[in-house]
Structure formats: C-alpha cells, structure tokens
C-alpha cells in the first residue's frame, strides 16, 4: 500500500484512519475502506472489505520467551465480504482477522517462520512454527472453535512442500503420508511467500492461507532498498 507520516493517522475508540483508508469496528463487524495507489503501475485500489467474526478472542501468543513479539488472533473464524474495484475481486467467503505486535525488528529475533490457518469442521486450526536467532524453536498448534473455544492441540508433522518461485523454503503441517501443495499464489517475493495451500489435517482435506518468511534474506542490504522503491511513500497528508 502506502507508507505515510504521522500526520496521516487518526485514532478513536472504534476507528483507525490512515490517509484515505480506514478500519471501523461497530461491535459486530469490522469495515475496512480502502482508497490507495498500488504498485507496480500506480493503479487505484478502492473498495470495502467487511469482516463478521463468528467470535472474538482475547488470545495473545508470545512468539519469543521474552514477549518481544506477540501474535493476536482477534477473529480466527469469520465471514468476509470483499468488494474492490478490480475484476474478480468481489466475493463472499470464509476469512479471519489477526495481527502481530512487537518491540523489535523481526529479523533480529527470527531467521525463518511459517504460519498456516486452515478451516476444519466447527472452526479452524492455526500452526505457527519459527526458528529463533537464539537457537530455540517455536512450534504451536491451536484450534479455534466457532463457539469461542480455544485449545492447544498436537499438530501433524511439519512437512516440506515445493519451494516458491523465488525458491523460498516452505513447509506446513500435514498428516503422515500426505504432501501439502499450493493451489493459488497470493504474493511471491524474494523473502516471502503467501498462498492458498491444500493439506490434510486429522483426515480432513482443507485449503487455507499459508505464509513462509525467510528473514535471513529479508535482512540483506539488497532487499530493503528494493522494498523502499516498491512501496509508495507520502510523507505529508492533510485531512
């Protein structure tokens, strides 16, 4: 999207506004209004995304032992409506809303991670696996029920899948004897892959959102200048 300065930010109890875009929570649904310029051809991206959570959790998962990084799954199972000004970008379906928070750069504390969220009967499961810089590993599997229940579960084995087009290493969870596979690429970058992946979890075939992040690549002196060129910047914004 667009990097903007502090003058472009407005906050209230239920709304975040950044430049011409905003997020508003009315107690039942999150409405995201977008009005941005996208790359690489300076195309206008505008429209609305509406998220209706089946439940809202209070879960916070520390990703490091010192709590410098936290994953916050606000609405792990939701109904979603997308209405954007691009062909094929108007649809209803199954979605989620989450966020990551931290007080340090990701590349300082992690070298690699994968994350996957998959619908299952009655809810969804999420797998978070990461290699930390201190040599330890994060390995978490959580089931979120549509009824608001949350439980940590034993996850199927970590299973390799085909590398991305930029040869980023990818793996996710899958029942023994099965191999996860990409069914739709969403974002492919030299250090990051985001895609729809089909896998099998406890005998249930499911397709969910998967990401793989190579923070060794991200931290190189070559990649960060590329990001600065790719992302539009507007230092000043007047409401």
Protein backbone atom coordinates (compact mmCIF):
# COMPACT_ATOMS: atom_id res chain seq x y z
CA UNK A 1 0.00 0.00 0.00
CA UNK A 2 1.42 3.41 1.01
CA UNK A 3 3.81 4.48 3.76
CA UNK A 4 2.55 7.70 5.35
CA UNK A 5 3.73 10.09 8.04
CA UNK A 6 2.25 10.65 11.49
CA UNK A 7 0.00 13.45 10.23
CA UNK A 8 -1.97 10.85 8.22
CA UNK A 9 -3.05 8.93 11.35
CA UNK A 10 -6.27 9.40 13.31
CA UNK A 11 -7.39 7.15 16.18
CA UNK A 12 -10.61 6.80 18.14
CA UNK A 13 -12.12 4.06 20.29
CA UNK A 14 -13.54 2.25 17.26
CA UNK A 15 -11.79 3.66 14.17
CA UNK A 16 -8.28 3.78 12.75
CA UNK A 17 -7.78 6.14 9.81
CA UNK A 18 -4.58 6.22 7.77
CA UNK A 19 -4.74 8.76 4.96
CA UNK A 20 -7.77 7.99 2.78
CA UNK A 21 -8.24 4.46 4.20
CA UNK A 22 -9.79 3.33 7.48
CA UNK A 23 -10.89 0.46 9.71
CA UNK A 24 -14.07 0.79 11.78
CA UNK A 25 -15.47 -1.64 14.38
CA UNK A 26 -19.17 -1.26 15.22
CA UNK A 27 -19.36 -4.05 17.80
CA UNK A 28 -20.47 -6.70 15.30
CA UNK A 29 -18.34 -6.25 12.20
CA UNK A 30 -15.06 -4.69 11.05
CA UNK A 31 -15.41 -2.47 7.98
CA UNK A 32 -12.21 -1.75 6.05
CA UNK A 33 -12.47 1.06 3.49
CA UNK A 34 -9.56 1.22 1.04
CA UNK A 35 -8.52 4.04 -1.26
CA UNK A 36 -4.89 3.51 -2.25
CA UNK A 37 -2.42 3.50 -5.11
CA UNK A 38 -0.91 0.07 -5.74
CA UNK A 39 2.31 -0.96 -7.46
CA UNK A 40 3.83 -1.56 -9.92
CA UNK A 41 1.65 0.51 -12.28
CA UNK A 42 0.18 3.15 -9.92
CA UNK A 43 -3.29 1.62 -10.17
CA UNK A 44 -6.09 2.84 -7.92
CA UNK A 45 -7.24 0.21 -5.42
CA UNK A 46 -10.52 1.17 -3.79
CA UNK A 47 -13.49 -0.50 -2.17
CA UNK A 48 -14.58 -2.20 1.02
CA UNK A 49 -13.83 -5.37 2.95
CA UNK A 50 -16.31 -6.38 5.67
CA UNK A 51 -15.39 -8.96 8.31
CA UNK A 52 -18.07 -10.51 10.57
CA UNK A 53 -16.39 -12.60 13.29
CA UNK A 54 -18.04 -15.77 14.49
CA UNK A 55 -16.30 -14.98 17.77
CA UNK A 56 -13.71 -12.51 19.08
CA UNK A 57 -10.92 -13.96 21.23
CA UNK A 58 -8.69 -12.47 23.92
CA UNK A 59 -5.81 -14.80 22.98
CA UNK A 60 -2.27 -13.42 22.89
CA UNK A 61 0.52 -15.82 21.91
CA UNK A 62 4.09 -14.75 22.75
CA UNK A 63 6.37 -15.70 19.85
CA UNK A 64 9.56 -15.28 21.92
CA UNK A 65 10.25 -16.20 25.52
CA UNK A 66 10.77 -12.56 26.49
CA UNK A 67 7.49 -11.44 24.88
CA UNK A 68 9.13 -9.05 22.41
CA UNK A 69 6.83 -10.41 19.69
CA UNK A 70 3.16 -11.36 20.10
CA UNK A 71 0.56 -12.88 17.78
CA UNK A 72 -3.01 -11.69 18.38
CA UNK A 73 -5.80 -13.71 16.66
CA UNK A 74 -8.72 -11.30 17.08
CA UNK A 75 -11.23 -13.18 14.91
CA UNK A 76 -9.84 -16.57 13.84
CA UNK A 77 -13.07 -17.60 12.11
CA UNK A 78 -15.14 -15.02 10.24
CA UNK A 79 -17.44 -14.42 7.33
CA UNK A 80 -15.95 -11.96 4.84
CA UNK A 81 -17.29 -9.79 2.04
CA UNK A 82 -14.89 -8.25 -0.49
CA UNK A 83 -15.97 -5.51 -2.89
CA UNK A 84 -12.98 -3.93 -4.64
CA UNK A 85 -12.62 -2.16 -7.97
CA UNK A 86 -10.82 -4.98 -9.74
CA UNK A 87 -12.26 -7.74 -11.94
CA UNK A 88 -12.92 -10.84 -9.85
CA UNK A 89 -12.34 -9.05 -6.54
CA UNK A 90 -15.97 -9.16 -5.42
CA UNK A 91 -16.83 -12.25 -3.39
CA UNK A 92 -18.09 -13.64 -0.09
CA UNK A 93 -16.38 -16.37 1.82
CA UNK A 94 -14.54 -17.63 4.90
CA UNK A 95 -11.88 -15.42 6.45
CA UNK A 96 -10.10 -14.31 9.61
CA UNK A 97 -8.55 -11.23 11.21
CA UNK A 98 -5.30 -11.24 13.17
CA UNK A 99 -2.23 -9.12 13.82
CA UNK A 100 1.38 -9.27 15.01
CA UNK A 101 2.87 -6.84 17.51
CA UNK A 102 6.48 -6.36 18.55
CA UNK A 103 9.09 -4.03 20.01
CA UNK A 104 12.00 -5.29 17.88
CA UNK A 105 12.71 -5.96 14.23
CA UNK A 106 11.59 -9.46 13.20
CA UNK A 107 14.97 -10.21 11.60
CA UNK A 108 16.68 -9.53 14.94
CA UNK A 109 14.88 -12.41 16.67
CA UNK A 110 13.91 -14.86 13.90
CA UNK A 111 15.67 -16.43 10.94
CA UNK A 112 12.65 -18.22 9.42
CA UNK A 113 8.99 -18.91 10.08
CA UNK A 114 5.89 -20.46 8.61
CA UNK A 115 2.28 -19.83 9.54
CA UNK A 116 -0.84 -21.58 8.32
CA UNK A 117 -4.54 -21.25 9.07
CA UNK A 118 -6.96 -23.91 7.85
CA UNK A 119 -10.74 -24.29 8.16
CA UNK A 120 -11.87 -27.51 9.83
CA UNK A 121 -15.35 -28.70 10.85
CA UNK A 122 -16.62 -26.42 13.61
CA UNK A 123 -13.81 -23.86 13.37
CA UNK A 124 -10.21 -23.52 12.24
CA UNK A 125 -6.69 -24.57 13.18
CA UNK A 126 -3.55 -22.44 13.08
CA UNK A 127 0.05 -23.62 13.02
CA UNK A 128 2.92 -21.31 13.94
CA UNK A 129 6.47 -22.63 13.51
CA UNK A 130 9.58 -20.45 13.74
CA UNK A 131 13.35 -20.69 14.06
CA UNK A 132 14.60 -18.13 16.58
CA UNK A 133 18.00 -16.46 16.50
CA UNK A 134 18.86 -17.87 19.93
CA UNK A 135 18.67 -21.41 18.53
CA UNK A 136 15.28 -22.28 20.03
CA UNK A 137 12.14 -23.10 18.07
CA UNK A 138 8.50 -22.05 18.25
CA UNK A 139 6.05 -24.82 17.47
CA UNK A 140 2.39 -24.16 18.25
CA UNK A 141 -0.88 -25.68 17.02
CA UNK A 142 -4.17 -24.10 18.14
CA UNK A 143 -7.78 -24.98 17.36
CA UNK A 144 -10.35 -22.17 17.41
CA UNK A 145 -13.99 -23.22 17.64
CA UNK A 146 -16.82 -21.24 16.10
CA UNK A 147 -18.36 -21.35 19.60
CA UNK A 148 -15.44 -19.34 21.02
CA UNK A 149 -13.46 -22.26 22.39
CA UNK A 150 -9.65 -22.21 22.12
CA UNK A 151 -7.34 -25.15 22.74
CA UNK A 152 -3.75 -26.05 22.02
CA UNK A 153 -3.65 -29.33 20.11
CA UNK A 154 -0.99 -31.78 18.95
CA UNK A 155 -0.16 -30.81 15.38
CA UNK A 156 0.55 -33.17 12.49
CA UNK A 157 4.22 -33.35 11.43
CA UNK A 158 5.96 -30.42 9.77
CA UNK A 159 6.02 -31.39 6.12
CA UNK A 160 8.04 -29.88 3.27
CA UNK A 161 6.27 -28.64 0.17
CA UNK A 162 7.55 -27.19 -3.10
CA UNK A 163 9.59 -24.02 -2.83
CA UNK A 164 8.13 -20.73 -4.03
CA UNK A 165 9.01 -19.21 -7.39
CA UNK A 166 11.72 -17.21 -5.59
CA UNK A 167 12.89 -20.51 -4.03
CA UNK A 168 11.78 -19.62 -0.51
CA UNK A 169 11.70 -22.79 1.57
CA UNK A 170 8.14 -23.78 2.50
CA UNK A 171 6.61 -26.26 4.91
CA UNK A 172 3.38 -26.67 6.82
CA UNK A 173 1.54 -29.33 8.81
CA UNK A 174 0.08 -32.43 7.19
CA UNK A 175 -1.00 -35.94 8.13
CA UNK A 176 1.74 -38.57 7.64
CA UNK A 177 1.85 -39.83 4.06
CA UNK A 178 0.33 -36.67 2.58
CA UNK A 179 2.06 -33.71 0.91
CA UNK A 180 0.75 -30.13 1.09
CA UNK A 181 0.53 -28.27 -2.21
CA UNK A 182 -0.07 -24.72 -3.36
CA UNK A 183 -3.38 -24.16 -5.15
CA UNK A 184 -3.19 -20.37 -5.54
CA UNK A 185 -0.29 -17.93 -5.27
CA UNK A 186 -1.19 -14.70 -3.48
CA UNK A 187 2.17 -13.00 -3.02
CA UNK A 188 5.60 -14.11 -4.16
CA UNK A 189 8.67 -12.13 -3.09
CA UNK A 190 12.38 -12.91 -2.69
CA UNK A 191 11.93 -13.36 1.07
CA UNK A 192 8.19 -14.09 1.47
CA UNK A 193 5.53 -16.39 0.09
CA UNK A 194 1.80 -16.21 0.75
CA UNK A 195 -0.52 -18.68 -0.90
CA UNK A 196 -3.59 -20.87 -0.61
CA UNK A 197 -2.40 -24.34 0.34
CA UNK A 198 -4.26 -27.64 0.38
CA UNK A 199 -3.30 -30.08 3.12
CA UNK A 200 -4.78 -32.92 5.21
CA UNK A 201 -5.30 -32.47 8.96
CA UNK A 202 -6.60 -35.38 11.03
CA UNK A 203 -8.02 -36.99 7.91
CA UNK A 204 -9.78 -33.79 6.77
CA UNK A 205 -8.69 -32.25 3.45
CA UNK A 206 -8.70 -28.48 3.76
CA UNK A 207 -7.44 -25.39 1.94
CA UNK A 208 -6.16 -22.44 3.94
CA UNK A 209 -3.81 -19.47 3.92
CA UNK A 210 -0.11 -20.18 4.33
CA UNK A 211 2.95 -17.97 4.60
CA UNK A 212 6.68 -18.60 4.69
CA UNK A 213 9.13 -15.87 5.68
CA UNK A 214 12.91 -16.06 5.21
CA UNK A 215 14.28 -13.36 7.49
CA UNK A 216 17.88 -14.07 6.57
CA UNK A 217 17.02 -12.91 3.07
CA UNK A 218 14.90 -10.03 4.32
CA UNK A 219 17.77 -8.69 6.41
CA UNK A 220 20.20 -8.38 3.50
CA UNK A 221 21.40 -5.00 2.24
CA UNK A 222 19.91 -5.75 -1.18
CA UNK A 223 16.29 -6.49 -0.19
CA UNK A 224 15.45 -3.48 1.98
CA UNK A 225 16.30 -0.86 -0.67
CA UNK A 226 14.08 -2.83 -3.08
CA UNK A 227 11.18 -2.50 -0.64
CA UNK A 228 11.74 1.24 -0.34
CA UNK A 229 11.40 1.56 -4.11
CA UNK A 230 8.35 -0.71 -4.39
CA UNK A 231 6.18 0.83 -1.65
CA UNK A 232 4.81 4.34 -2.39
CA UNK A 233 5.58 6.95 0.26
CA UNK A 234 3.64 10.07 1.17
CA UNK A 235 5.42 11.90 3.97
CA UNK A 236 2.70 14.54 4.36
CA UNK A 237 -1.05 14.13 4.37
CA UNK A 238 -3.77 16.68 5.06
CA UNK A 239 -7.27 15.58 6.06
